[in-house]
Protein backbone atom coordinates (compact mmCIF):
# COMPACT_ATOMS: atom_id res chain seq x y z
CA UNK A 1 0.00 0.00 0.00
CA UNK A 2 1.26 3.47 -0.83
CA UNK A 3 1.72 6.01 1.90
CA UNK A 4 0.46 9.54 1.56
CA UNK A 5 4.04 10.68 0.97
CA UNK A 6 4.42 8.14 -1.87
CA UNK A 7 1.23 9.41 -3.48
CA UNK A 8 2.32 13.04 -3.23
CA UNK A 9 5.68 12.25 -4.78
CA UNK A 10 4.05 10.28 -7.61
CA UNK A 11 1.92 13.28 -8.57
CA UNK A 12 5.04 14.92 -10.01
CA UNK A 13 5.28 12.11 -12.55
CA UNK A 14 1.75 12.64 -13.86
CA UNK A 15 1.08 14.82 -16.87
CA UNK A 16 -0.90 18.01 -16.33
CA UNK A 17 -3.96 16.39 -17.95
CA UNK A 18 -3.69 13.31 -15.73
CA UNK A 19 -3.43 15.56 -12.68
CA UNK A 20 -6.60 17.37 -13.78
CA UNK A 21 -8.44 14.07 -14.25
CA UNK A 22 -7.30 12.85 -10.84
CA UNK A 23 -8.43 16.12 -9.25
CA UNK A 24 -11.87 15.80 -10.89
CA UNK A 25 -12.20 12.21 -9.67
CA UNK A 26 -11.30 13.24 -6.12
CA UNK A 27 -13.73 16.17 -6.23
CA UNK A 28 -16.55 13.97 -7.50
CA UNK A 29 -15.86 11.40 -4.79
CA UNK A 30 -15.84 14.08 -2.12
CA UNK A 31 -19.03 15.66 -3.46
CA UNK A 32 -20.77 12.27 -3.53
CA UNK A 33 -19.72 11.55 0.07
CA UNK A 34 -20.93 15.00 1.12
CA UNK A 35 -24.25 14.46 -0.66
CA UNK A 36 -24.77 11.14 1.13
CA UNK A 37 -24.03 12.72 4.52
CA UNK A 38 -26.36 15.65 3.78
CA UNK A 39 -29.20 13.38 2.69
CA UNK A 40 -28.72 11.28 5.80
CA UNK A 41 -28.85 14.31 8.06
CA UNK A 42 -31.93 15.66 6.29
CA UNK A 43 -33.73 12.37 6.82
CA UNK A 44 -32.86 12.51 10.52
CA UNK A 45 -34.06 9.58 12.56
CA UNK A 46 -35.43 7.95 9.39
CA UNK A 47 -32.02 7.90 7.66
CA UNK A 48 -31.68 4.11 8.01
CA UNK A 49 -35.09 3.35 6.51
CA UNK A 50 -35.03 2.38 2.84
CA UNK A 51 -37.32 4.29 0.51
CA UNK A 52 -38.44 3.38 -2.98
CA UNK A 53 -36.06 6.01 -4.38
CA UNK A 54 -33.10 4.13 -2.84
CA UNK A 55 -33.74 1.32 -5.30
CA UNK A 56 -33.19 3.67 -8.26
CA UNK A 57 -29.91 5.18 -7.02
PDB file of N, CA and C in Angstrom:
ATOM      1  N   UNK A   1       0.846  -1.183   0.000  1.00  0.00           N
ATOM      2  CA  UNK A   1       0.000   0.000   0.000  1.00  0.00           C
ATOM      3  C   UNK A   1       0.893   1.249   0.000  1.00  0.00           C
ATOM      4  N   UNK A   2       0.493   2.228  -0.756  1.00  0.00           N
ATOM      5  CA  UNK A   2       1.257   3.471  -0.831  1.00  0.00           C
ATOM      6  C   UNK A   2       0.924   4.357   0.366  1.00  0.00           C
ATOM      7  N   UNK A   3       1.945   5.029   0.847  1.00  0.00           N
ATOM      8  CA  UNK A   3       1.718   6.006   1.903  1.00  0.00           C
ATOM      9  C   UNK A   3       1.314   7.327   1.256  1.00  0.00           C
ATOM     10  N   UNK A   4       0.838   8.225   2.062  1.00  0.00           N
ATOM     11  CA  UNK A   4       0.462   9.542   1.556  1.00  0.00           C
ATOM     12  C   UNK A   4       1.665  10.221   0.909  1.00  0.00           C
ATOM     13  N   UNK A   5       2.814  10.083   1.518  1.00  0.00           N
ATOM     14  CA  UNK A   5       4.036  10.684   0.967  1.00  0.00           C
ATOM     15  C   UNK A   5       4.358  10.099  -0.409  1.00  0.00           C
ATOM     16  N   UNK A   6       4.192   8.784  -0.572  1.00  0.00           N
ATOM     17  CA  UNK A   6       4.418   8.143  -1.870  1.00  0.00           C
ATOM     18  C   UNK A   6       3.470   8.702  -2.933  1.00  0.00           C
ATOM     19  N   UNK A   7       2.230   8.877  -2.546  1.00  0.00           N
ATOM     20  CA  UNK A   7       1.234   9.408  -3.483  1.00  0.00           C
ATOM     21  C   UNK A   7       1.593  10.833  -3.894  1.00  0.00           C
ATOM     22  N   UNK A   8       1.954  11.641  -2.935  1.00  0.00           N
ATOM     23  CA  UNK A   8       2.318  13.035  -3.226  1.00  0.00           C
ATOM     24  C   UNK A   8       3.512  13.090  -4.168  1.00  0.00           C
ATOM     25  N   UNK A   9       4.500  12.264  -3.922  1.00  0.00           N
ATOM     26  CA  UNK A   9       5.682  12.247  -4.784  1.00  0.00           C
ATOM     27  C   UNK A   9       5.345  11.741  -6.185  1.00  0.00           C
ATOM     28  N   UNK A  10       4.407  10.811  -6.292  1.00  0.00           N
ATOM     29  CA  UNK A  10       4.054  10.276  -7.608  1.00  0.00           C
ATOM     30  C   UNK A  10       3.268  11.274  -8.443  1.00  0.00           C
ATOM     31  N   UNK A  11       2.659  12.267  -7.820  1.00  0.00           N
ATOM     32  CA  UNK A  11       1.925  13.283  -8.570  1.00  0.00           C
ATOM     33  C   UNK A  11       2.835  14.037  -9.527  1.00  0.00           C
ATOM     34  N   UNK A  12       4.092  14.207  -9.149  1.00  0.00           N
ATOM     35  CA  UNK A  12       5.043  14.918 -10.006  1.00  0.00           C
ATOM     36  C   UNK A  12       5.272  14.200 -11.326  1.00  0.00           C
ATOM     37  N   UNK A  13       5.049  12.892 -11.340  1.00  0.00           N
ATOM     38  CA  UNK A  13       5.278  12.106 -12.552  1.00  0.00           C
ATOM     39  C   UNK A  13       4.070  12.090 -13.487  1.00  0.00           C
ATOM     40  N   UNK A  14       2.943  12.607 -13.023  1.00  0.00           N
ATOM     41  CA  UNK A  14       1.748  12.643 -13.861  1.00  0.00           C
ATOM     42  C   UNK A  14       1.777  13.857 -14.784  1.00  0.00           C
ATOM     43  N   UNK A  15       1.205  13.687 -15.957  1.00  0.00           N
ATOM     44  CA  UNK A  15       1.079  14.823 -16.873  1.00  0.00           C
ATOM     45  C   UNK A  15       0.059  15.800 -16.293  1.00  0.00           C
ATOM     46  N   UNK A  16       0.045  17.002 -16.820  1.00  0.00           N
ATOM     47  CA  UNK A  16      -0.896  18.009 -16.335  1.00  0.00           C
ATOM     48  C   UNK A  16      -2.335  17.525 -16.531  1.00  0.00           C
ATOM     49  N   UNK A  17      -2.601  16.897 -17.674  1.00  0.00           N
ATOM     50  CA  UNK A  17      -3.958  16.392 -17.948  1.00  0.00           C
ATOM     51  C   UNK A  17      -4.333  15.286 -16.967  1.00  0.00           C
ATOM     52  N   UNK A  18      -3.407  14.379 -16.691  1.00  0.00           N
ATOM     53  CA  UNK A  18      -3.687  13.306 -15.730  1.00  0.00           C
ATOM     54  C   UNK A  18      -3.928  13.867 -14.334  1.00  0.00           C
ATOM     55  N   UNK A  19      -3.213  14.924 -13.972  1.00  0.00           N
ATOM     56  CA  UNK A  19      -3.426  15.563 -12.675  1.00  0.00           C
ATOM     57  C   UNK A  19      -4.823  16.176 -12.619  1.00  0.00           C
ATOM     58  N   UNK A  20      -5.260  16.787 -13.727  1.00  0.00           N
ATOM     59  CA  UNK A  20      -6.602  17.370 -13.780  1.00  0.00           C
ATOM     60  C   UNK A  20      -7.673  16.288 -13.644  1.00  0.00           C
ATOM     61  N   UNK A  21      -7.474  15.172 -14.331  1.00  0.00           N
ATOM     62  CA  UNK A  21      -8.438  14.071 -14.254  1.00  0.00           C
ATOM     63  C   UNK A  21      -8.497  13.529 -12.827  1.00  0.00           C
ATOM     64  N   UNK A  22      -7.347  13.339 -12.223  1.00  0.00           N
ATOM     65  CA  UNK A  22      -7.300  12.853 -10.841  1.00  0.00           C
ATOM     66  C   UNK A  22      -8.015  13.820  -9.900  1.00  0.00           C
ATOM     67  N   UNK A  23      -7.781  15.106 -10.078  1.00  0.00           N
ATOM     68  CA  UNK A  23      -8.427  16.117  -9.250  1.00  0.00           C
ATOM     69  C   UNK A  23      -9.946  16.060  -9.409  1.00  0.00           C
ATOM     70  N   UNK A  24     -10.426  15.899 -10.651  1.00  0.00           N
ATOM     71  CA  UNK A  24     -11.865  15.797 -10.895  1.00  0.00           C
ATOM     72  C   UNK A  24     -12.448  14.558 -10.225  1.00  0.00           C
ATOM     73  N   UNK A  25     -11.735  13.450 -10.304  1.00  0.00           N
ATOM     74  CA  UNK A  25     -12.198  12.215  -9.668  1.00  0.00           C
ATOM     75  C   UNK A  25     -12.310  12.405  -8.160  1.00  0.00           C
ATOM     76  N   UNK A  26     -11.289  13.014  -7.562  1.00  0.00           N
ATOM     77  CA  UNK A  26     -11.303  13.242  -6.117  1.00  0.00           C
ATOM     78  C   UNK A  26     -12.429  14.193  -5.715  1.00  0.00           C
ATOM     79  N   UNK A  27     -12.645  15.237  -6.523  1.00  0.00           N
ATOM     80  CA  UNK A  27     -13.728  16.173  -6.231  1.00  0.00           C
ATOM     81  C   UNK A  27     -15.086  15.486  -6.310  1.00  0.00           C
ATOM     82  N   UNK A  28     -15.278  14.676  -7.351  1.00  0.00           N
ATOM     83  CA  UNK A  28     -16.546  13.970  -7.502  1.00  0.00           C
ATOM     84  C   UNK A  28     -16.787  13.017  -6.346  1.00  0.00           C
ATOM     85  N   UNK A  29     -15.746  12.322  -5.925  1.00  0.00           N
ATOM     86  CA  UNK A  29     -15.857  11.402  -4.794  1.00  0.00           C
ATOM     87  C   UNK A  29     -16.232  12.164  -3.526  1.00  0.00           C
ATOM     88  N   UNK A  30     -15.560  13.277  -3.321  1.00  0.00           N
ATOM     89  CA  UNK A  30     -15.838  14.075  -2.123  1.00  0.00           C
ATOM     90  C   UNK A  30     -17.256  14.645  -2.159  1.00  0.00           C
ATOM     91  N   UNK A  31     -17.683  15.116  -3.338  1.00  0.00           N
ATOM     92  CA  UNK A  31     -19.033  15.658  -3.462  1.00  0.00           C
ATOM     93  C   UNK A  31     -20.081  14.578  -3.234  1.00  0.00           C
ATOM     94  N   UNK A  32     -19.835  13.377  -3.729  1.00  0.00           N
ATOM     95  CA  UNK A  32     -20.774  12.271  -3.532  1.00  0.00           C
ATOM     96  C   UNK A  32     -20.863  11.920  -2.054  1.00  0.00           C
ATOM     97  N   UNK A  33     -19.721  11.850  -1.371  1.00  0.00           N
ATOM     98  CA  UNK A  33     -19.722  11.554   0.068  1.00  0.00           C
ATOM     99  C   UNK A  33     -20.473  12.636   0.842  1.00  0.00           C
ATOM    100  N   UNK A  34     -20.263  13.881   0.452  1.00  0.00           N
ATOM    101  CA  UNK A  34     -20.931  14.999   1.117  1.00  0.00           C
ATOM    102  C   UNK A  34     -22.439  14.928   0.885  1.00  0.00           C
ATOM    103  N   UNK A  35     -22.825  14.573  -0.331  1.00  0.00           N
ATOM    104  CA  UNK A  35     -24.246  14.462  -0.659  1.00  0.00           C
ATOM    105  C   UNK A  35     -24.899  13.368   0.189  1.00  0.00           C
ATOM    106  N   UNK A  36     -24.225  12.249   0.340  1.00  0.00           N
ATOM    107  CA  UNK A  36     -24.766  11.142   1.131  1.00  0.00           C
ATOM    108  C   UNK A  36     -24.929  11.564   2.590  1.00  0.00           C
ATOM    109  N   UNK A  37     -23.929  12.258   3.129  1.00  0.00           N
ATOM    110  CA  UNK A  37     -24.026  12.721   4.521  1.00  0.00           C
ATOM    111  C   UNK A  37     -25.162  13.731   4.677  1.00  0.00           C
ATOM    112  N   UNK A  38     -25.305  14.634   3.712  1.00  0.00           N
ATOM    113  CA  UNK A  38     -26.356  15.648   3.777  1.00  0.00           C
ATOM    114  C   UNK A  38     -27.728  15.006   3.718  1.00  0.00           C
ATOM    115  N   UNK A  39     -27.911  14.061   2.796  1.00  0.00           N
ATOM    116  CA  UNK A  39     -29.200  13.383   2.694  1.00  0.00           C
ATOM    117  C   UNK A  39     -29.515  12.628   3.975  1.00  0.00           C
ATOM    118  N   UNK A  40     -28.512  11.993   4.547  1.00  0.00           N
ATOM    119  CA  UNK A  40     -28.724  11.277   5.804  1.00  0.00           C
ATOM    120  C   UNK A  40     -29.141  12.207   6.927  1.00  0.00           C
ATOM    121  N   UNK A  41     -28.507  13.369   6.990  1.00  0.00           N
ATOM    122  CA  UNK A  41     -28.851  14.305   8.061  1.00  0.00           C
ATOM    123  C   UNK A  41     -30.225  14.924   7.835  1.00  0.00           C
ATOM    124  N   UNK A  42     -30.610  15.108   6.573  1.00  0.00           N
ATOM    125  CA  UNK A  42     -31.935  15.656   6.293  1.00  0.00           C
ATOM    126  C   UNK A  42     -33.039  14.666   6.654  1.00  0.00           C
ATOM    127  N   UNK A  43     -32.737  13.386   6.507  1.00  0.00           N
ATOM    128  CA  UNK A  43     -33.728  12.366   6.819  1.00  0.00           C
ATOM    129  C   UNK A  43     -33.810  12.116   8.324  1.00  0.00           C
ATOM    130  N   UNK A  44     -32.827  12.600   9.064  1.00  0.00           N
ATOM    131  CA  UNK A  44     -32.858  12.509  10.524  1.00  0.00           C
ATOM    132  C   UNK A  44     -32.984  11.091  11.035  1.00  0.00           C
ATOM    133  N   UNK A  45     -33.934  10.889  11.937  1.00  0.00           N
ATOM    134  CA  UNK A  45     -34.061   9.577  12.564  1.00  0.00           C
ATOM    135  C   UNK A  45     -34.524   8.507  11.581  1.00  0.00           C
ATOM    136  N   UNK A  46     -34.975   8.911  10.404  1.00  0.00           N
ATOM    137  CA  UNK A  46     -35.426   7.952   9.393  1.00  0.00           C
ATOM    138  C   UNK A  46     -34.340   7.639   8.363  1.00  0.00           C
ATOM    139  N   UNK A  47     -33.119   8.062   8.625  1.00  0.00           N
ATOM    140  CA  UNK A  47     -32.019   7.901   7.662  1.00  0.00           C
ATOM    141  C   UNK A  47     -31.730   6.447   7.328  1.00  0.00           C
ATOM    142  N   UNK A  48     -31.985   5.530   8.254  1.00  0.00           N
ATOM    143  CA  UNK A  48     -31.679   4.109   8.012  1.00  0.00           C
ATOM    144  C   UNK A  48     -32.817   3.344   7.355  1.00  0.00           C
ATOM    145  N   UNK A  49     -33.931   4.019   7.121  1.00  0.00           N
ATOM    146  CA  UNK A  49     -35.091   3.355   6.514  1.00  0.00           C
ATOM    147  C   UNK A  49     -34.996   3.507   5.001  1.00  0.00           C
ATOM    148  N   UNK A  50     -35.074   2.378   4.302  1.00  0.00           N
ATOM    149  CA  UNK A  50     -35.029   2.384   2.841  1.00  0.00           C
ATOM    150  C   UNK A  50     -36.295   3.010   2.285  1.00  0.00           C
ATOM    151  N   UNK A  51     -36.170   3.742   1.220  1.00  0.00           N
ATOM    152  CA  UNK A  51     -37.319   4.287   0.512  1.00  0.00           C
ATOM    153  C   UNK A  51     -37.303   3.734  -0.902  1.00  0.00           C
ATOM    154  N   UNK A  52     -38.380   3.907  -1.612  1.00  0.00           N
ATOM    155  CA  UNK A  52     -38.437   3.379  -2.978  1.00  0.00           C
ATOM    156  C   UNK A  52     -37.398   4.070  -3.860  1.00  0.00           C
ATOM    157  N   UNK A  53     -37.065   5.316  -3.559  1.00  0.00           N
ATOM    158  CA  UNK A  53     -36.064   6.014  -4.376  1.00  0.00           C
ATOM    159  C   UNK A  53     -34.669   5.436  -4.188  1.00  0.00           C
ATOM    160  N   UNK A  54     -34.408   4.761  -3.058  1.00  0.00           N
ATOM    161  CA  UNK A  54     -33.097   4.128  -2.840  1.00  0.00           C
ATOM    162  C   UNK A  54     -32.841   3.041  -3.868  1.00  0.00           C
ATOM    163  N   UNK A  55     -33.892   2.398  -4.337  1.00  0.00           N
ATOM    164  CA  UNK A  55     -33.738   1.319  -5.304  1.00  0.00           C
ATOM    165  C   UNK A  55     -33.282   1.833  -6.666  1.00  0.00           C
ATOM    166  N   UNK A  56     -33.539   3.099  -6.964  1.00  0.00           N
ATOM    167  CA  UNK A  56     -33.187   3.667  -8.256  1.00  0.00           C
ATOM    168  C   UNK A  56     -31.824   4.334  -8.263  1.00  0.00           C
ATOM    169  N   UNK A  57     -31.199   4.488  -7.113  1.00  0.00           N
ATOM    170  CA  UNK A  57     -29.911   5.179  -7.016  1.00  0.00           C
ATOM    171  C   UNK A  57     -28.783   4.307  -7.476  1.00  0.00           C
TER     172      UNK A  57
END
